[in-house]
Structure formats: C-alpha cells, structure tokens
Amino acid sequence: GGTASISNMGMFGIKQFDAVINPPQGMIMAIGAGEKRPYVIDDALQIATIMSATGSFDHRAIDGADGAELMKTFKELVEAPMGMIA
C-alpha cells in the first residue's frame, strides 16, 4: 500500500493530463512537461518555463481544501526552490 503517488508523463512531452488514483492511495499528482512560454514576471513580459501539475484526491481520505493547500504549497516551492533550503 501507500499514501500518495506521482505520475510523470512530462518526460514523454505530454503537457497536461489527469492521473487516476490507484486504491489504497489517497492522492496522485500528475506532472506535465515544462515548456518555454511568454509570462508576466514583475510586470514585464519574459520567457519562463511553465509546467502543469494536477492533483487528484480521494475525498474519503483527504479533504478537498487540504488537497488544494498541498497543490498551492507545491506550486510555491517549484516557483521558488530556494525556499526548500531555508
């Protein structure tokens, strides 16, 4: 058994997908490919590497608000990885 899984299709160039939870897992995160796109950073148009991450949660085990908080924290850490060292 387990608690959570990560499914990475990004290595195959797939930009976004939805992963299916495998019981008894409580959640699975789907990671898509990163690609360079125009993005506004500090009110200036720049090029940034953008990727998708989708979370699927079994609401019998994980409240949706807690799942959303996990995805928010993941986004913050990926966008500013130095925060993981501090």
PDB file of N, CA and C in Angstrom:
ATOM      1  N   GLY A   1       0.803  -1.181   0.000  1.00  0.00           N
ATOM      2  CA  GLY A   1       0.000   0.000   0.000  1.00  0.00           C
ATOM      3  C   GLY A   1       0.854   1.255   0.000  1.00  0.00           C
ATOM      4  N   GLY A   2       0.196   2.361   0.030  1.00  0.00           N
ATOM      5  CA  GLY A   2       0.873   3.641   0.047  1.00  0.00           C
ATOM      6  C   GLY A   2      -0.110   4.748   0.344  1.00  0.00           C
ATOM      7  N   THR A   3       0.385   5.960   0.324  1.00  0.00           N
ATOM      8  CA  THR A   3      -0.434   7.120   0.618  1.00  0.00           C
ATOM      9  C   THR A   3      -0.631   8.002  -0.601  1.00  0.00           C
ATOM     10  N   ALA A   4       0.463   8.215  -1.354  1.00  0.00           N
ATOM     11  CA  ALA A   4       0.417   9.136  -2.487  1.00  0.00           C
ATOM     12  C   ALA A   4       1.340   8.645  -3.585  1.00  0.00           C
ATOM     13  N   SER A   5       1.036   9.052  -4.811  1.00  0.00           N
ATOM     14  CA  SER A   5       1.871   8.700  -5.966  1.00  0.00           C
ATOM     15  C   SER A   5       2.091   9.933  -6.823  1.00  0.00           C
ATOM     16  N   ILE A   6       3.164   9.896  -7.612  1.00  0.00           N
ATOM     17  CA  ILE A   6       3.428  10.920  -8.616  1.00  0.00           C
ATOM     18  C   ILE A   6       3.518  10.218  -9.961  1.00  0.00           C
ATOM     19  N   SER A   7       2.796  10.740 -10.941  1.00  0.00           N
ATOM     20  CA  SER A   7       2.845  10.208 -12.298  1.00  0.00           C
ATOM     21  C   SER A   7       3.437  11.282 -13.200  1.00  0.00           C
ATOM     22  N   ASN A   8       4.581  10.987 -13.826  1.00  0.00           N
ATOM     23  CA  ASN A   8       5.294  11.956 -14.657  1.00  0.00           C
ATOM     24  C   ASN A   8       5.207  11.535 -16.116  1.00  0.00           C
ATOM     25  N   MET A   9       4.374  12.227 -16.878  1.00  0.00           N
ATOM     26  CA  MET A   9       4.300  11.999 -18.319  1.00  0.00           C
ATOM     27  C   MET A   9       5.050  13.094 -19.065  1.00  0.00           C
ATOM     28  N   GLY A  10       5.563  14.073 -18.318  1.00  0.00           N
ATOM     29  CA  GLY A  10       6.314  15.163 -18.909  1.00  0.00           C
ATOM     30  C   GLY A  10       7.535  14.688 -19.663  1.00  0.00           C
ATOM     31  N   MET A  11       8.153  13.613 -19.184  1.00  0.00           N
ATOM     32  CA  MET A  11       9.353  13.101 -19.853  1.00  0.00           C
ATOM     33  C   MET A  11       9.040  12.583 -21.252  1.00  0.00           C
ATOM     34  N   PHE A  12       7.746  12.388 -21.550  1.00  0.00           N
ATOM     35  CA  PHE A  12       7.329  11.960 -22.886  1.00  0.00           C
ATOM     36  C   PHE A  12       6.788  13.131 -23.708  1.00  0.00           C
ATOM     37  N   GLY A  13       6.944  14.357 -23.185  1.00  0.00           N
ATOM     38  CA  GLY A  13       6.492  15.546 -23.897  1.00  0.00           C
ATOM     39  C   GLY A  13       5.016  15.855 -23.742  1.00  0.00           C
ATOM     40  N   ILE A  14       4.320  15.149 -22.863  1.00  0.00           N
ATOM     41  CA  ILE A  14       2.893  15.392 -22.645  1.00  0.00           C
ATOM     42  C   ILE A  14       2.752  16.595 -21.715  1.00  0.00           C
ATOM     43  N   LYS A  15       2.034  17.622 -22.176  1.00  0.00           N
ATOM     44  CA  LYS A  15       1.958  18.879 -21.433  1.00  0.00           C
ATOM     45  C   LYS A  15       1.067  18.790 -20.203  1.00  0.00           C
ATOM     46  N   GLN A  16      -0.088  18.127 -20.329  1.00  0.00           N
ATOM     47  CA  GLN A  16      -1.021  18.058 -19.214  1.00  0.00           C
ATOM     48  C   GLN A  16      -1.863  16.801 -19.334  1.00  0.00           C
ATOM     49  N   PHE A  17      -2.176  16.196 -18.188  1.00  0.00           N
ATOM     50  CA  PHE A  17      -3.042  15.024 -18.160  1.00  0.00           C
ATOM     51  C   PHE A  17      -3.615  14.889 -16.758  1.00  0.00           C
ATOM     52  N   ASP A  18      -4.609  14.045 -16.614  1.00  0.00           N
ATOM     53  CA  ASP A  18      -5.197  13.742 -15.313  1.00  0.00           C
ATOM     54  C   ASP A  18      -4.869  12.303 -14.970  1.00  0.00           C
ATOM     55  N   ALA A  19      -4.319  12.092 -13.782  1.00  0.00           N
ATOM     56  CA  ALA A  19      -3.959  10.744 -13.343  1.00  0.00           C
ATOM     57  C   ALA A  19      -5.098  10.152 -12.511  1.00  0.00           C
ATOM     58  N   VAL A  20      -5.248   8.851 -12.571  1.00  0.00           N
ATOM     59  CA  VAL A  20      -6.297   8.135 -11.841  1.00  0.00           C
ATOM     60  C   VAL A  20      -5.704   7.559 -10.561  1.00  0.00           C
ATOM     61  N   ILE A  21      -6.402   7.771  -9.451  1.00  0.00           N
ATOM     62  CA  ILE A  21      -5.951   7.270  -8.152  1.00  0.00           C
ATOM     63  C   ILE A  21      -6.023   5.749  -8.141  1.00  0.00           C
ATOM     64  N   ASN A  22      -4.954   5.132  -7.658  1.00  0.00           N
ATOM     65  CA  ASN A  22      -4.918   3.677  -7.504  1.00  0.00           C
ATOM     66  C   ASN A  22      -5.131   3.337  -6.032  1.00  0.00           C
ATOM     67  N   PRO A  23      -6.291   2.757  -5.657  1.00  0.00           N
ATOM     68  CA  PRO A  23      -6.513   2.389  -4.254  1.00  0.00           C
ATOM     69  C   PRO A  23      -5.412   1.439  -3.781  1.00  0.00           C
ATOM     70  N   PRO A  24      -4.952   1.546  -2.566  1.00  0.00           N
ATOM     71  CA  PRO A  24      -5.471   2.368  -1.462  1.00  0.00           C
ATOM     72  C   PRO A  24      -4.852   3.758  -1.358  1.00  0.00           C
ATOM     73  N   GLN A  25      -4.261   4.262  -2.419  1.00  0.00           N
ATOM     74  CA  GLN A  25      -3.670   5.601  -2.400  1.00  0.00           C
ATOM     75  C   GLN A  25      -4.749   6.646  -2.102  1.00  0.00           C
ATOM     76  N   GLY A  26      -4.350   7.734  -1.439  1.00  0.00           N
ATOM     77  CA  GLY A  26      -5.268   8.819  -1.139  1.00  0.00           C
ATOM     78  C   GLY A  26      -5.196   9.941  -2.161  1.00  0.00           C
ATOM     79  N   MET A  27      -4.080   9.985  -2.917  1.00  0.00           N
ATOM     80  CA  MET A  27      -3.930  11.033  -3.936  1.00  0.00           C
ATOM     81  C   MET A  27      -2.880  10.634  -4.943  1.00  0.00           C
ATOM     82  N   ILE A  28      -2.941  11.314  -6.100  1.00  0.00           N
ATOM     83  CA  ILE A  28      -1.912  11.161  -7.121  1.00  0.00           C
ATOM     84  C   ILE A  28      -1.704  12.529  -7.765  1.00  0.00           C
ATOM     85  N   MET A  29      -0.446  12.853  -8.020  1.00  0.00           N
ATOM     86  CA  MET A  29      -0.112  14.113  -8.682  1.00  0.00           C
ATOM     87  C   MET A  29       0.390  13.804 -10.079  1.00  0.00           C
ATOM     88  N   ALA A  30      -0.180  14.482 -11.073  1.00  0.00           N
ATOM     89  CA  ALA A  30       0.206  14.311 -12.474  1.00  0.00           C
ATOM     90  C   ALA A  30       1.120  15.468 -12.873  1.00  0.00           C
ATOM     91  N   ILE A  31       2.333  15.157 -13.330  1.00  0.00           N
ATOM     92  CA  ILE A  31       3.323  16.166 -13.710  1.00  0.00           C
ATOM     93  C   ILE A  31       3.469  16.179 -15.227  1.00  0.00           C
ATOM     94  N   GLY A  32       3.258  17.348 -15.835  1.00  0.00           N
ATOM     95  CA  GLY A  32       3.380  17.506 -17.282  1.00  0.00           C
ATOM     96  C   GLY A  32       4.726  18.096 -17.670  1.00  0.00           C
ATOM     97  N   ALA A  33       4.979  18.155 -18.962  1.00  0.00           N
ATOM     98  CA  ALA A  33       6.251  18.662 -19.494  1.00  0.00           C
ATOM     99  C   ALA A  33       6.363  20.168 -19.284  1.00  0.00           C
ATOM    100  N   GLY A  34       7.584  20.602 -19.034  1.00  0.00           N
ATOM    101  CA  GLY A  34       7.858  22.033 -18.977  1.00  0.00           C
ATOM    102  C   GLY A  34       8.099  22.549 -20.388  1.00  0.00           C
ATOM    103  N   GLU A  35       7.618  23.755 -20.666  1.00  0.00           N
ATOM    104  CA  GLU A  35       7.880  24.364 -21.967  1.00  0.00           C
ATOM    105  C   GLU A  35       8.030  25.868 -21.793  1.00  0.00           C
ATOM    106  N   LYS A  36       8.851  26.456 -22.629  1.00  0.00           N
ATOM    107  CA  LYS A  36       9.082  27.899 -22.561  1.00  0.00           C
ATOM    108  C   LYS A  36       7.888  28.628 -23.174  1.00  0.00           C
ATOM    109  N   ARG A  37       7.357  29.602 -22.400  1.00  0.00           N
ATOM    110  CA  ARG A  37       6.211  30.391 -22.840  1.00  0.00           C
ATOM    111  C   ARG A  37       6.383  31.838 -22.385  1.00  0.00           C
ATOM    112  N   PRO A  38       5.710  32.770 -23.075  1.00  0.00           N
ATOM    113  CA  PRO A  38       5.708  34.143 -22.574  1.00  0.00           C
ATOM    114  C   PRO A  38       4.958  34.192 -21.242  1.00  0.00           C
ATOM    115  N   TYR A  39       5.475  34.958 -20.292  1.00  0.00           N
ATOM    116  CA  TYR A  39       4.899  35.005 -18.948  1.00  0.00           C
ATOM    117  C   TYR A  39       5.209  36.368 -18.341  1.00  0.00           C
ATOM    118  N   VAL A  40       4.268  36.943 -17.603  1.00  0.00           N
ATOM    119  CA  VAL A  40       4.498  38.237 -16.963  1.00  0.00           C
ATOM    120  C   VAL A  40       5.143  38.005 -15.602  1.00  0.00           C
ATOM    121  N   ILE A  41       6.356  38.564 -15.428  1.00  0.00           N
ATOM    122  CA  ILE A  41       7.095  38.480 -14.168  1.00  0.00           C
ATOM    123  C   ILE A  41       7.459  39.907 -13.777  1.00  0.00           C
ATOM    124  N   ASP A  42       7.031  40.335 -12.585  1.00  0.00           N
ATOM    125  CA  ASP A  42       7.284  41.703 -12.111  1.00  0.00           C
ATOM    126  C   ASP A  42       6.830  42.742 -13.143  1.00  0.00           C
ATOM    127  N   ASP A  43       5.620  42.573 -13.661  1.00  0.00           N
ATOM    128  CA  ASP A  43       5.012  43.494 -14.632  1.00  0.00           C
ATOM    129  C   ASP A  43       5.766  43.604 -15.951  1.00  0.00           C
ATOM    130  N   ALA A  44       6.630  42.637 -16.244  1.00  0.00           N
ATOM    131  CA  ALA A  44       7.362  42.644 -17.517  1.00  0.00           C
ATOM    132  C   ALA A  44       7.148  41.306 -18.214  1.00  0.00           C
ATOM    133  N   LEU A  45       6.953  41.367 -19.516  1.00  0.00           N
ATOM    134  CA  LEU A  45       6.799  40.146 -20.298  1.00  0.00           C
ATOM    135  C   LEU A  45       8.167  39.485 -20.465  1.00  0.00           C
ATOM    136  N   GLN A  46       8.269  38.238 -20.020  1.00  0.00           N
ATOM    137  CA  GLN A  46       9.513  37.485 -20.102  1.00  0.00           C
ATOM    138  C   GLN A  46       9.201  36.078 -20.596  1.00  0.00           C
ATOM    139  N   ILE A  47      10.242  35.301 -20.828  1.00  0.00           N
ATOM    140  CA  ILE A  47      10.081  33.892 -21.183  1.00  0.00           C
ATOM    141  C   ILE A  47      10.339  33.074 -19.920  1.00  0.00           C
ATOM    142  N   ALA A  48       9.423  32.170 -19.614  1.00  0.00           N
ATOM    143  CA  ALA A  48       9.564  31.314 -18.436  1.00  0.00           C
ATOM    144  C   ALA A  48       9.253  29.877 -18.830  1.00  0.00           C
ATOM    145  N   THR A  49       9.829  28.940 -18.103  1.00  0.00           N
ATOM    146  CA  THR A  49       9.491  27.532 -18.296  1.00  0.00           C
ATOM    147  C   THR A  49       8.267  27.235 -17.436  1.00  0.00           C
ATOM    148  N   ILE A  50       7.188  26.825 -18.087  1.00  0.00           N
ATOM    149  CA  ILE A  50       5.907  26.570 -17.425  1.00  0.00           C
ATOM    150  C   ILE A  50       5.597  25.076 -17.532  1.00  0.00           C
ATOM    151  N   MET A  51       5.087  24.507 -16.447  1.00  0.00           N
ATOM    152  CA  MET A  51       4.674  23.102 -16.446  1.00  0.00           C
ATOM    153  C   MET A  51       3.318  22.993 -15.769  1.00  0.00           C
ATOM    154  N   SER A  52       2.661  21.871 -15.955  1.00  0.00           N
ATOM    155  CA  SER A  52       1.394  21.643 -15.264  1.00  0.00           C
ATOM    156  C   SER A  52       1.592  20.583 -14.190  1.00  0.00           C
ATOM    157  N   ALA A  53       0.820  20.731 -13.129  1.00  0.00           N
ATOM    158  CA  ALA A  53       0.765  19.725 -12.068  1.00  0.00           C
ATOM    159  C   ALA A  53      -0.692  19.649 -11.628  1.00  0.00           C
ATOM    160  N   THR A  54      -1.269  18.472 -11.723  1.00  0.00           N
ATOM    161  CA  THR A  54      -2.670  18.265 -11.378  1.00  0.00           C
ATOM    162  C   THR A  54      -2.756  17.255 -10.247  1.00  0.00           C
ATOM    163  N   GLY A  55      -3.535  17.567  -9.227  1.00  0.00           N
ATOM    164  CA  GLY A  55      -3.722  16.645  -8.112  1.00  0.00           C
ATOM    165  C   GLY A  55      -5.110  16.034  -8.146  1.00  0.00           C
ATOM    166  N   SER A  56      -5.171  14.715  -7.965  1.00  0.00           N
ATOM    167  CA  SER A  56      -6.448  14.011  -7.823  1.00  0.00           C
ATOM    168  C   SER A  56      -6.480  13.435  -6.414  1.00  0.00           C
ATOM    169  N   PHE A  57      -7.559  13.702  -5.680  1.00  0.00           N
ATOM    170  CA  PHE A  57      -7.643  13.318  -4.278  1.00  0.00           C
ATOM    171  C   PHE A  57      -8.871  12.459  -4.020  1.00  0.00           C
ATOM    172  N   ASP A  58      -8.707  11.419  -3.220  1.00  0.00           N
ATOM    173  CA  ASP A  58      -9.828  10.606  -2.763  1.00  0.00           C
ATOM    174  C   ASP A  58     -10.434  11.351  -1.576  1.00  0.00           C
ATOM    175  N   HIS A  59     -11.600  11.941  -1.771  1.00  0.00           N
ATOM    176  CA  HIS A  59     -12.193  12.790  -0.744  1.00  0.00           C
ATOM    177  C   HIS A  59     -12.684  12.003   0.467  1.00  0.00           C
ATOM    178  N   ARG A  60     -12.650  10.696   0.404  1.00  0.00           N
ATOM    179  CA  ARG A  60     -12.935   9.908   1.607  1.00  0.00           C
ATOM    180  C   ARG A  60     -11.748   9.959   2.554  1.00  0.00           C
ATOM    181  N   ALA A  61     -10.550  10.227   2.015  1.00  0.00           N
ATOM    182  CA  ALA A  61      -9.327  10.234   2.821  1.00  0.00           C
ATOM    183  C   ALA A  61      -8.751  11.634   3.006  1.00  0.00           C
ATOM    184  N   ILE A  62      -8.904  12.508   2.000  1.00  0.00           N
ATOM    185  CA  ILE A  62      -8.284  13.834   2.030  1.00  0.00           C
ATOM    186  C   ILE A  62      -9.339  14.876   1.674  1.00  0.00           C
ATOM    187  N   ASP A  63      -9.548  15.830   2.571  1.00  0.00           N
ATOM    188  CA  ASP A  63     -10.479  16.920   2.308  1.00  0.00           C
ATOM    189  C   ASP A  63      -9.977  17.744   1.124  1.00  0.00           C
ATOM    190  N   GLY A  64     -10.888  18.182   0.283  1.00  0.00           N
ATOM    191  CA  GLY A  64     -10.512  18.947  -0.904  1.00  0.00           C
ATOM    192  C   GLY A  64      -9.724  20.207  -0.587  1.00  0.00           C
ATOM    193  N   ALA A  65     -10.073  20.885   0.519  1.00  0.00           N
ATOM    194  CA  ALA A  65      -9.343  22.097   0.908  1.00  0.00           C
ATOM    195  C   ALA A  65      -7.895  21.769   1.270  1.00  0.00           C
ATOM    196  N   ASP A  66      -7.676  20.635   1.924  1.00  0.00           N
ATOM    197  CA  ASP A  66      -6.307  20.213   2.251  1.00  0.00           C
ATOM    198  C   ASP A  66      -5.534  19.867   0.983  1.00  0.00           C
ATOM    199  N   GLY A  67      -6.207  19.235   0.027  1.00  0.00           N
ATOM    200  CA  GLY A  67      -5.572  18.925  -1.252  1.00  0.00           C
ATOM    201  C   GLY A  67      -5.191  20.192  -1.999  1.00  0.00           C
ATOM    202  N   ALA A  68      -6.068  21.195  -1.969  1.00  0.00           N
ATOM    203  CA  ALA A  68      -5.773  22.472  -2.623  1.00  0.00           C
ATOM    204  C   ALA A  68      -4.586  23.155  -1.955  1.00  0.00           C
ATOM    205  N   GLU A  69      -4.505  23.072  -0.638  1.00  0.00           N
ATOM    206  CA  GLU A  69      -3.370  23.656   0.090  1.00  0.00           C
ATOM    207  C   GLU A  69      -2.065  22.954  -0.283  1.00  0.00           C
ATOM    208  N   LEU A  70      -2.115  21.632  -0.445  1.00  0.00           N
ATOM    209  CA  LEU A  70      -0.923  20.888  -0.878  1.00  0.00           C
ATOM    210  C   LEU A  70      -0.468  21.365  -2.251  1.00  0.00           C
ATOM    211  N   MET A  71      -1.407  21.507  -3.185  1.00  0.00           N
ATOM    212  CA  MET A  71      -1.054  21.950  -4.535  1.00  0.00           C
ATOM    213  C   MET A  71      -0.513  23.384  -4.519  1.00  0.00           C
ATOM    214  N   LYS A  72      -1.078  24.243  -3.683  1.00  0.00           N
ATOM    215  CA  LYS A  72      -0.591  25.620  -3.556  1.00  0.00           C
ATOM    216  C   LYS A  72       0.848  25.627  -3.043  1.00  0.00           C
ATOM    217  N   THR A  73       1.125  24.828  -2.012  1.00  0.00           N
ATOM    218  CA  THR A  73       2.475  24.760  -1.450  1.00  0.00           C
ATOM    219  C   THR A  73       3.453  24.189  -2.467  1.00  0.00           C
ATOM    220  N   PHE A  74       3.041  23.157  -3.203  1.00  0.00           N
ATOM    221  CA  PHE A  74       3.896  22.584  -4.249  1.00  0.00           C
ATOM    222  C   PHE A  74       4.249  23.658  -5.281  1.00  0.00           C
ATOM    223  N   LYS A  75       3.257  24.415  -5.728  1.00  0.00           N
ATOM    224  CA  LYS A  75       3.476  25.498  -6.702  1.00  0.00           C
ATOM    225  C   LYS A  75       4.483  26.511  -6.171  1.00  0.00           C
ATOM    226  N   GLU A  76       4.306  26.928  -4.920  1.00  0.00           N
ATOM    227  CA  GLU A  76       5.215  27.913  -4.327  1.00  0.00           C
ATOM    228  C   GLU A  76       6.650  27.385  -4.263  1.00  0.00           C
ATOM    229  N   LEU A  77       6.817  26.123  -3.904  1.00  0.00           N
ATOM    230  CA  LEU A  77       8.159  25.547  -3.794  1.00  0.00           C
ATOM    231  C   LEU A  77       8.816  25.359  -5.158  1.00  0.00           C
ATOM    232  N   VAL A  78       8.034  24.983  -6.166  1.00  0.00           N
ATOM    233  CA  VAL A  78       8.597  24.823  -7.512  1.00  0.00           C
ATOM    234  C   VAL A  78       8.991  26.188  -8.082  1.00  0.00           C
ATOM    235  N   GLU A  79       8.182  27.212  -7.808  1.00  0.00           N
ATOM    236  CA  GLU A  79       8.478  28.549  -8.324  1.00  0.00           C
ATOM    237  C   GLU A  79       9.657  29.206  -7.609  1.00  0.00           C
ATOM    238  N   ALA A  80       9.901  28.834  -6.348  1.00  0.00           N
ATOM    239  CA  ALA A  80      11.000  29.418  -5.567  1.00  0.00           C
ATOM    240  C   ALA A  80      11.702  28.304  -4.792  1.00  0.00           C
ATOM    241  N   PRO A  81      12.473  27.452  -5.479  1.00  0.00           N
ATOM    242  CA  PRO A  81      13.053  26.268  -4.835  1.00  0.00           C
ATOM    243  C   PRO A  81      14.024  26.566  -3.694  1.00  0.00           C
ATOM    244  N   MET A  82      14.592  27.758  -3.639  1.00  0.00           N
ATOM    245  CA  MET A  82      15.491  28.088  -2.532  1.00  0.00           C
ATOM    246  C   MET A  82      14.745  28.065  -1.197  1.00  0.00           C
ATOM    247  N   GLY A  83      13.425  28.191  -1.236  1.00  0.00           N
ATOM    248  CA  GLY A  83      12.622  28.113  -0.022  1.00  0.00           C
ATOM    249  C   GLY A  83      12.678  26.749   0.637  1.00  0.00           C
ATOM    250  N   MET A  84      13.081  25.727  -0.111  1.00  0.00           N
ATOM    251  CA  MET A  84      13.195  24.385   0.470  1.00  0.00           C
ATOM    252  C   MET A  84      14.447  24.248   1.331  1.00  0.00           C
ATOM    253  N   ILE A  85      15.428  25.132   1.136  1.00  0.00           N
ATOM    254  CA  ILE A  85      16.673  25.044   1.903  1.00  0.00           C
ATOM    255  C   ILE A  85      16.553  25.826   3.207  1.00  0.00           C
ATOM    256  N   ALA A  86      15.791  26.915   3.167  1.00  0.00           N
ATOM    257  CA  ALA A  86      15.698  27.808   4.330  1.00  0.00           C
ATOM    258  C   ALA A  86      14.906  27.199   5.466  1.00  0.00           C
TER     259      ALA A  86
END
